[in-house]
Amino acid sequence: MATVKGIPTTMKLQLASATGKHYELEVREVYLETEDGDLGVLPGHQPELYSIGAGFVICKTADGQEVKKLVYSGFAQIEPDIVRVGVQEIYEPGEVNVEEVEKEIGRLKEKLSALSEEEAETRSKIEREIRRKEELIKKAR
């Protein structure tokens, strides 16, 4: 990690998905879209944990390049010298198959309509998944 007068100027960004995509970069700054709102992270940031539905992770690398990924369903763990993002899926901008995600939403809605009122926990999980997929479509367009 680079420093100027003892103050860190870079940190690591580790981005990993359940589908096997992994990125590790030395970065100057990271911007995250979390379920609590947008967040900017610089080296030395206080430790925090955030939930991610569907949103962008944008960073400036140590050499000044901008890297942008669309992520889906996971978390971000922030430490002073590292940002770890673990998600279900990582997409390049423009890579999301919107038609396929719309079909998945349709299947989830069918499953939801077949549930009884007593299945509140399952109903809640499916409703949350539908909201996240709808947000993914908005971000992908």
N, C-alpha and C. Protein backbone atom coordinates (compact mmCIF):
# COMPACT_ATOMS: atom_id res chain seq x y z
N MET A 1 0.85 -1.18 0.00
CA MET A 1 0.00 0.00 0.00
C MET A 1 0.89 1.23 0.00
N ALA A 2 0.64 2.15 -0.92
CA ALA A 2 1.41 3.39 -1.03
C ALA A 2 1.00 4.37 0.06
N THR A 3 1.96 5.16 0.54
CA THR A 3 1.67 6.17 1.55
C THR A 3 2.36 7.48 1.19
N VAL A 4 1.82 8.57 1.69
CA VAL A 4 2.43 9.89 1.60
C VAL A 4 2.43 10.43 3.02
N LYS A 5 3.64 10.67 3.57
CA LYS A 5 3.78 11.16 4.96
C LYS A 5 3.05 10.25 5.94
N GLY A 6 3.12 8.94 5.69
CA GLY A 6 2.50 7.96 6.58
C GLY A 6 1.01 7.76 6.39
N ILE A 7 0.41 8.50 5.48
CA ILE A 7 -1.04 8.37 5.23
C ILE A 7 -1.22 7.50 3.99
N PRO A 8 -2.04 6.46 4.07
CA PRO A 8 -2.23 5.58 2.90
C PRO A 8 -2.89 6.33 1.75
N THR A 9 -2.41 6.06 0.54
CA THR A 9 -3.00 6.67 -0.66
C THR A 9 -3.70 5.64 -1.53
N THR A 10 -3.49 4.36 -1.23
CA THR A 10 -4.17 3.31 -1.97
C THR A 10 -4.64 2.23 -1.00
N MET A 11 -5.50 1.38 -1.50
CA MET A 11 -6.00 0.24 -0.73
C MET A 11 -6.33 -0.86 -1.73
N LYS A 12 -6.64 -2.03 -1.23
CA LYS A 12 -7.03 -3.14 -2.11
C LYS A 12 -8.54 -3.18 -2.25
N LEU A 13 -8.98 -3.56 -3.44
CA LEU A 13 -10.38 -3.88 -3.69
C LEU A 13 -10.42 -5.33 -4.12
N GLN A 14 -11.13 -6.13 -3.36
CA GLN A 14 -11.35 -7.53 -3.72
C GLN A 14 -12.82 -7.69 -4.05
N LEU A 15 -13.09 -8.13 -5.26
CA LEU A 15 -14.45 -8.30 -5.75
C LEU A 15 -14.59 -9.75 -6.18
N ALA A 16 -15.54 -10.47 -5.57
CA ALA A 16 -15.69 -11.90 -5.87
C ALA A 16 -17.17 -12.25 -5.97
N SER A 17 -17.46 -13.18 -6.90
CA SER A 17 -18.84 -13.64 -7.07
C SER A 17 -18.94 -15.13 -6.80
N ALA A 18 -20.15 -15.57 -6.52
CA ALA A 18 -20.43 -16.99 -6.31
C ALA A 18 -20.26 -17.77 -7.61
N THR A 19 -20.28 -17.09 -8.74
CA THR A 19 -20.14 -17.75 -10.03
C THR A 19 -18.69 -17.86 -10.49
N GLY A 20 -17.76 -17.42 -9.65
CA GLY A 20 -16.34 -17.61 -9.95
C GLY A 20 -15.59 -16.43 -10.52
N LYS A 21 -16.23 -15.29 -10.70
CA LYS A 21 -15.52 -14.11 -11.18
C LYS A 21 -14.82 -13.45 -9.99
N HIS A 22 -13.54 -13.16 -10.16
CA HIS A 22 -12.76 -12.54 -9.08
C HIS A 22 -11.88 -11.43 -9.64
N TYR A 23 -11.83 -10.32 -8.91
CA TYR A 23 -10.96 -9.22 -9.28
C TYR A 23 -10.26 -8.75 -8.02
N GLU A 24 -9.00 -8.43 -8.14
CA GLU A 24 -8.26 -7.81 -7.04
C GLU A 24 -7.45 -6.67 -7.63
N LEU A 25 -7.69 -5.47 -7.14
CA LEU A 25 -7.07 -4.27 -7.69
C LEU A 25 -6.50 -3.41 -6.57
N GLU A 26 -5.45 -2.69 -6.89
CA GLU A 26 -4.92 -1.65 -6.00
C GLU A 26 -5.60 -0.36 -6.44
N VAL A 27 -6.34 0.29 -5.53
CA VAL A 27 -7.19 1.43 -5.90
C VAL A 27 -6.94 2.64 -5.00
N ARG A 28 -7.32 3.80 -5.55
CA ARG A 28 -7.26 5.05 -4.78
C ARG A 28 -8.59 5.35 -4.09
N GLU A 29 -9.69 4.94 -4.73
CA GLU A 29 -11.02 5.20 -4.19
C GLU A 29 -12.00 4.18 -4.76
N VAL A 30 -13.08 3.96 -3.99
CA VAL A 30 -14.13 3.03 -4.39
C VAL A 30 -15.47 3.69 -4.13
N TYR A 31 -16.39 3.55 -5.08
CA TYR A 31 -17.77 4.02 -4.91
C TYR A 31 -18.68 2.82 -5.01
N LEU A 32 -19.58 2.68 -4.04
CA LEU A 32 -20.48 1.54 -3.96
C LEU A 32 -21.92 2.01 -3.91
N GLU A 33 -22.80 1.29 -4.58
CA GLU A 33 -24.24 1.49 -4.43
C GLU A 33 -24.74 0.39 -3.52
N THR A 34 -25.10 0.75 -2.28
CA THR A 34 -25.55 -0.22 -1.30
C THR A 34 -27.05 -0.07 -1.08
N GLU A 35 -27.62 -0.98 -0.30
CA GLU A 35 -29.05 -0.88 0.01
C GLU A 35 -29.33 0.31 0.94
N ASP A 36 -28.28 0.83 1.58
CA ASP A 36 -28.43 2.01 2.45
C ASP A 36 -28.14 3.31 1.72
N GLY A 37 -27.74 3.23 0.45
CA GLY A 37 -27.42 4.41 -0.33
C GLY A 37 -26.02 4.32 -0.92
N ASP A 38 -25.61 5.39 -1.58
CA ASP A 38 -24.30 5.42 -2.22
C ASP A 38 -23.22 5.74 -1.20
N LEU A 39 -22.03 5.20 -1.44
CA LEU A 39 -20.96 5.32 -0.48
C LEU A 39 -19.63 5.50 -1.20
N GLY A 40 -18.84 6.46 -0.77
CA GLY A 40 -17.49 6.64 -1.28
C GLY A 40 -16.51 6.19 -0.21
N VAL A 41 -15.48 5.46 -0.64
CA VAL A 41 -14.51 4.91 0.30
C VAL A 41 -13.10 5.32 -0.15
N LEU A 42 -12.35 5.90 0.78
CA LEU A 42 -10.95 6.25 0.55
C LEU A 42 -10.08 5.43 1.50
N PRO A 43 -8.79 5.31 1.22
CA PRO A 43 -7.90 4.59 2.14
C PRO A 43 -8.02 5.17 3.55
N GLY A 44 -8.00 4.29 4.55
CA GLY A 44 -8.12 4.72 5.93
C GLY A 44 -9.55 4.80 6.44
N HIS A 45 -10.52 4.41 5.63
CA HIS A 45 -11.94 4.45 6.01
C HIS A 45 -12.19 3.58 7.24
N GLN A 46 -13.12 3.99 8.06
CA GLN A 46 -13.46 3.18 9.23
C GLN A 46 -14.12 1.88 8.82
N PRO A 47 -13.97 0.83 9.61
CA PRO A 47 -14.59 -0.47 9.28
C PRO A 47 -16.11 -0.38 9.28
N GLU A 48 -16.72 -0.94 8.26
CA GLU A 48 -18.18 -0.98 8.13
C GLU A 48 -18.58 -2.16 7.27
N LEU A 49 -19.85 -2.54 7.38
CA LEU A 49 -20.41 -3.64 6.59
C LEU A 49 -21.72 -3.16 5.98
N TYR A 50 -21.91 -3.42 4.68
CA TYR A 50 -23.11 -2.99 3.97
C TYR A 50 -23.68 -4.13 3.16
N SER A 51 -25.00 -4.09 2.96
CA SER A 51 -25.70 -5.04 2.10
C SER A 51 -25.84 -4.41 0.72
N ILE A 52 -25.67 -5.25 -0.31
CA ILE A 52 -25.79 -4.79 -1.69
C ILE A 52 -26.92 -5.56 -2.35
N GLY A 53 -27.86 -4.84 -2.97
CA GLY A 53 -28.93 -5.47 -3.74
C GLY A 53 -28.47 -5.61 -5.18
N ALA A 54 -28.61 -4.54 -5.93
CA ALA A 54 -28.09 -4.46 -7.30
C ALA A 54 -27.53 -3.05 -7.44
N GLY A 55 -26.30 -2.95 -7.88
CA GLY A 55 -25.71 -1.63 -8.02
C GLY A 55 -24.32 -1.70 -8.62
N PHE A 56 -23.77 -0.53 -8.81
CA PHE A 56 -22.44 -0.45 -9.41
C PHE A 56 -21.36 -0.35 -8.33
N VAL A 57 -20.22 -0.94 -8.63
CA VAL A 57 -18.99 -0.73 -7.90
C VAL A 57 -18.07 -0.04 -8.89
N ILE A 58 -17.64 1.15 -8.55
CA ILE A 58 -16.78 1.94 -9.43
C ILE A 58 -15.52 2.28 -8.63
N CYS A 59 -14.37 2.11 -9.25
CA CYS A 59 -13.14 2.45 -8.55
C CYS A 59 -12.17 3.16 -9.47
N LYS A 60 -11.25 3.89 -8.85
CA LYS A 60 -10.11 4.49 -9.56
C LYS A 60 -8.90 3.69 -9.13
N THR A 61 -8.23 3.09 -10.10
CA THR A 61 -7.05 2.28 -9.79
C THR A 61 -5.89 3.18 -9.40
N ALA A 62 -4.84 2.56 -8.90
CA ALA A 62 -3.65 3.30 -8.48
C ALA A 62 -3.05 4.09 -9.64
N ASP A 63 -3.22 3.60 -10.88
CA ASP A 63 -2.68 4.32 -12.04
C ASP A 63 -3.72 5.25 -12.70
N GLY A 64 -4.87 5.47 -12.02
CA GLY A 64 -5.85 6.45 -12.47
C GLY A 64 -6.94 5.96 -13.40
N GLN A 65 -6.97 4.68 -13.74
CA GLN A 65 -8.02 4.16 -14.62
C GLN A 65 -9.31 3.93 -13.83
N GLU A 66 -10.45 4.15 -14.48
CA GLU A 66 -11.74 3.87 -13.85
C GLU A 66 -12.20 2.47 -14.24
N VAL A 67 -12.62 1.70 -13.25
CA VAL A 67 -13.15 0.36 -13.46
C VAL A 67 -14.57 0.36 -12.91
N LYS A 68 -15.51 -0.17 -13.71
CA LYS A 68 -16.92 -0.16 -13.33
C LYS A 68 -17.51 -1.55 -13.52
N LYS A 69 -18.14 -2.08 -12.48
CA LYS A 69 -18.80 -3.38 -12.53
C LYS A 69 -20.20 -3.24 -11.95
N LEU A 70 -21.14 -3.97 -12.52
CA LEU A 70 -22.50 -4.06 -11.99
C LEU A 70 -22.55 -5.34 -11.16
N VAL A 71 -22.96 -5.22 -9.91
CA VAL A 71 -22.98 -6.39 -9.01
C VAL A 71 -24.40 -6.66 -8.54
N TYR A 72 -24.62 -7.91 -8.12
CA TYR A 72 -25.96 -8.32 -7.73
C TYR A 72 -25.93 -9.15 -6.46
N SER A 73 -26.63 -8.70 -5.44
CA SER A 73 -26.96 -9.44 -4.23
C SER A 73 -25.74 -9.92 -3.44
N GLY A 74 -25.35 -9.13 -2.46
CA GLY A 74 -24.24 -9.53 -1.62
C GLY A 74 -23.94 -8.52 -0.52
N PHE A 75 -22.65 -8.32 -0.27
CA PHE A 75 -22.23 -7.45 0.82
C PHE A 75 -20.94 -6.73 0.46
N ALA A 76 -20.66 -5.68 1.20
CA ALA A 76 -19.37 -4.98 1.11
C ALA A 76 -18.83 -4.85 2.53
N GLN A 77 -17.60 -5.30 2.72
CA GLN A 77 -16.92 -5.16 4.01
C GLN A 77 -15.79 -4.17 3.80
N ILE A 78 -15.80 -3.12 4.59
CA ILE A 78 -14.81 -2.06 4.45
C ILE A 78 -13.88 -2.08 5.65
N GLU A 79 -12.59 -2.05 5.38
CA GLU A 79 -11.54 -1.93 6.38
C GLU A 79 -10.65 -0.77 5.95
N PRO A 80 -9.81 -0.25 6.83
CA PRO A 80 -8.97 0.88 6.45
C PRO A 80 -8.09 0.65 5.21
N ASP A 81 -7.67 -0.60 4.98
CA ASP A 81 -6.75 -0.88 3.88
C ASP A 81 -7.30 -1.81 2.80
N ILE A 82 -8.59 -2.19 2.94
CA ILE A 82 -9.17 -3.11 1.96
C ILE A 82 -10.69 -2.98 1.92
N VAL A 83 -11.25 -3.13 0.72
CA VAL A 83 -12.70 -3.21 0.54
C VAL A 83 -12.95 -4.58 -0.09
N ARG A 84 -13.76 -5.38 0.59
CA ARG A 84 -14.12 -6.70 0.08
C ARG A 84 -15.59 -6.67 -0.32
N VAL A 85 -15.86 -7.10 -1.54
CA VAL A 85 -17.23 -7.16 -2.04
C VAL A 85 -17.49 -8.60 -2.47
N GLY A 86 -18.45 -9.24 -1.81
CA GLY A 86 -18.85 -10.60 -2.15
C GLY A 86 -20.29 -10.58 -2.62
N VAL A 87 -20.51 -11.06 -3.84
CA VAL A 87 -21.85 -10.98 -4.44
C VAL A 87 -22.19 -12.27 -5.17
N GLN A 88 -23.46 -12.39 -5.52
CA GLN A 88 -23.90 -13.53 -6.32
C GLN A 88 -23.33 -13.47 -7.72
N GLU A 89 -23.35 -12.27 -8.32
CA GLU A 89 -22.91 -12.14 -9.71
C GLU A 89 -22.26 -10.79 -9.95
N ILE A 90 -21.28 -10.78 -10.85
CA ILE A 90 -20.60 -9.57 -11.30
C ILE A 90 -20.80 -9.48 -12.81
N TYR A 91 -21.23 -8.31 -13.27
CA TYR A 91 -21.45 -8.09 -14.69
C TYR A 91 -20.60 -6.93 -15.19
N GLU A 92 -20.18 -7.02 -16.43
CA GLU A 92 -19.63 -5.86 -17.12
C GLU A 92 -20.81 -4.98 -17.50
N PRO A 93 -20.63 -3.66 -17.58
CA PRO A 93 -21.74 -2.82 -18.05
C PRO A 93 -22.24 -3.32 -19.40
N GLY A 94 -23.54 -3.48 -19.54
CA GLY A 94 -24.14 -3.95 -20.78
C GLY A 94 -24.22 -5.46 -20.93
N GLU A 95 -23.74 -6.20 -19.96
CA GLU A 95 -23.69 -7.66 -20.06
C GLU A 95 -24.97 -8.36 -19.58
N VAL A 96 -25.80 -7.69 -18.81
CA VAL A 96 -26.99 -8.32 -18.24
C VAL A 96 -27.98 -8.66 -19.34
N ASN A 97 -28.48 -9.90 -19.33
CA ASN A 97 -29.51 -10.33 -20.27
C ASN A 97 -30.86 -9.96 -19.64
N VAL A 98 -31.35 -8.78 -19.97
CA VAL A 98 -32.57 -8.24 -19.37
C VAL A 98 -33.76 -9.16 -19.60
N GLU A 99 -33.89 -9.73 -20.79
CA GLU A 99 -35.01 -10.62 -21.08
C GLU A 99 -35.01 -11.84 -20.16
N GLU A 100 -33.83 -12.39 -19.91
CA GLU A 100 -33.73 -13.56 -19.03
C GLU A 100 -34.09 -13.18 -17.59
N VAL A 101 -33.65 -12.02 -17.13
CA VAL A 101 -33.97 -11.58 -15.77
C VAL A 101 -35.48 -11.33 -15.65
N GLU A 102 -36.09 -10.78 -16.70
CA GLU A 102 -37.54 -10.57 -16.69
C GLU A 102 -38.28 -11.91 -16.59
N LYS A 103 -37.78 -12.94 -17.28
CA LYS A 103 -38.38 -14.27 -17.18
C LYS A 103 -38.24 -14.82 -15.76
N GLU A 104 -37.07 -14.61 -15.15
CA GLU A 104 -36.86 -15.06 -13.77
C GLU A 104 -37.86 -14.37 -12.83
N ILE A 105 -38.09 -13.08 -13.05
CA ILE A 105 -39.06 -12.34 -12.23
C ILE A 105 -40.44 -12.94 -12.42
N GLY A 106 -40.82 -13.26 -13.65
CA GLY A 106 -42.11 -13.89 -13.92
C GLY A 106 -42.27 -15.20 -13.18
N ARG A 107 -41.21 -16.03 -13.19
CA ARG A 107 -41.26 -17.31 -12.48
C ARG A 107 -41.39 -17.08 -10.97
N LEU A 108 -40.69 -16.10 -10.45
CA LEU A 108 -40.78 -15.80 -9.01
C LEU A 108 -42.18 -15.31 -8.65
N LYS A 109 -42.78 -14.50 -9.51
CA LYS A 109 -44.14 -14.01 -9.25
C LYS A 109 -45.15 -15.15 -9.27
N GLU A 110 -44.96 -16.11 -10.17
CA GLU A 110 -45.83 -17.29 -10.19
C GLU A 110 -45.69 -18.08 -8.90
N LYS A 111 -44.46 -18.27 -8.48
CA LYS A 111 -44.19 -18.99 -7.23
C LYS A 111 -44.82 -18.24 -6.04
N LEU A 112 -44.73 -16.93 -6.07
CA LEU A 112 -45.28 -16.10 -5.00
C LEU A 112 -46.81 -16.23 -4.94
N SER A 113 -47.45 -16.24 -6.09
CA SER A 113 -48.92 -16.33 -6.12
C SER A 113 -49.43 -17.69 -5.64
N ALA A 114 -48.57 -18.71 -5.72
CA ALA A 114 -48.97 -20.05 -5.28
C ALA A 114 -48.79 -20.26 -3.78
N LEU A 115 -48.15 -19.30 -3.09
CA LEU A 115 -47.90 -19.45 -1.65
C LEU A 115 -49.14 -19.12 -0.83
N SER A 116 -49.28 -19.79 0.28
CA SER A 116 -50.37 -19.46 1.21
C SER A 116 -49.93 -18.31 2.10
N GLU A 117 -50.89 -17.70 2.78
CA GLU A 117 -50.60 -16.59 3.68
C GLU A 117 -49.72 -17.03 4.86
N GLU A 118 -49.77 -18.32 5.22
CA GLU A 118 -49.00 -18.83 6.34
C GLU A 118 -47.50 -18.90 6.02
N GLU A 119 -47.17 -18.85 4.76
CA GLU A 119 -45.77 -18.96 4.34
C GLU A 119 -45.13 -17.56 4.22
N ALA A 120 -45.26 -16.78 5.29
CA ALA A 120 -44.83 -15.38 5.29
C ALA A 120 -43.32 -15.23 5.08
N GLU A 121 -42.54 -16.10 5.67
CA GLU A 121 -41.08 -15.98 5.54
C GLU A 121 -40.64 -16.25 4.10
N THR A 122 -41.18 -17.28 3.50
CA THR A 122 -40.86 -17.58 2.11
C THR A 122 -41.34 -16.47 1.19
N ARG A 123 -42.56 -15.97 1.46
CA ARG A 123 -43.13 -14.86 0.69
C ARG A 123 -42.21 -13.64 0.75
N SER A 124 -41.72 -13.33 1.93
CA SER A 124 -40.83 -12.19 2.13
C SER A 124 -39.53 -12.34 1.34
N LYS A 125 -38.95 -13.54 1.36
CA LYS A 125 -37.70 -13.80 0.62
C LYS A 125 -37.91 -13.64 -0.88
N ILE A 126 -39.01 -14.16 -1.39
CA ILE A 126 -39.28 -14.07 -2.83
C ILE A 126 -39.54 -12.62 -3.23
N GLU A 127 -40.30 -11.89 -2.42
CA GLU A 127 -40.57 -10.48 -2.71
C GLU A 127 -39.27 -9.67 -2.74
N ARG A 128 -38.37 -9.97 -1.83
CA ARG A 128 -37.07 -9.27 -1.81
C ARG A 128 -36.26 -9.61 -3.06
N GLU A 129 -36.27 -10.86 -3.47
CA GLU A 129 -35.55 -11.27 -4.67
C GLU A 129 -36.13 -10.58 -5.91
N ILE A 130 -37.45 -10.46 -5.97
CA ILE A 130 -38.09 -9.76 -7.09
C ILE A 130 -37.65 -8.31 -7.13
N ARG A 131 -37.65 -7.64 -5.97
CA ARG A 131 -37.23 -6.23 -5.91
C ARG A 131 -35.78 -6.07 -6.38
N ARG A 132 -34.92 -6.98 -5.94
CA ARG A 132 -33.50 -6.90 -6.34
C ARG A 132 -33.33 -7.11 -7.85
N LYS A 133 -34.07 -8.07 -8.39
CA LYS A 133 -33.97 -8.33 -9.84
C LYS A 133 -34.53 -7.15 -10.64
N GLU A 134 -35.60 -6.53 -10.15
CA GLU A 134 -36.13 -5.35 -10.83
C GLU A 134 -35.12 -4.21 -10.79
N GLU A 135 -34.42 -4.07 -9.67
CA GLU A 135 -33.38 -3.05 -9.56
C GLU A 135 -32.22 -3.36 -10.50
N LEU A 136 -31.86 -4.62 -10.63
CA LEU A 136 -30.81 -5.03 -11.56
C LEU A 136 -31.17 -4.61 -12.99
N ILE A 137 -32.43 -4.83 -13.37
CA ILE A 137 -32.86 -4.43 -14.72
C ILE A 137 -32.74 -2.92 -14.90
N LYS A 138 -33.15 -2.15 -13.90
CA LYS A 138 -33.04 -0.69 -13.99
C LYS A 138 -31.58 -0.26 -14.18
N LYS A 139 -30.69 -0.86 -13.41
CA LYS A 139 -29.26 -0.51 -13.49
C LYS A 139 -28.67 -0.94 -14.82
N ALA A 140 -29.15 -2.06 -15.35
CA ALA A 140 -28.59 -2.60 -16.59
C ALA A 140 -29.00 -1.78 -17.82
N ARG A 141 -30.07 -1.06 -17.72
CA ARG A 141 -30.57 -0.30 -18.89
C ARG A 141 -29.89 1.00 -19.00
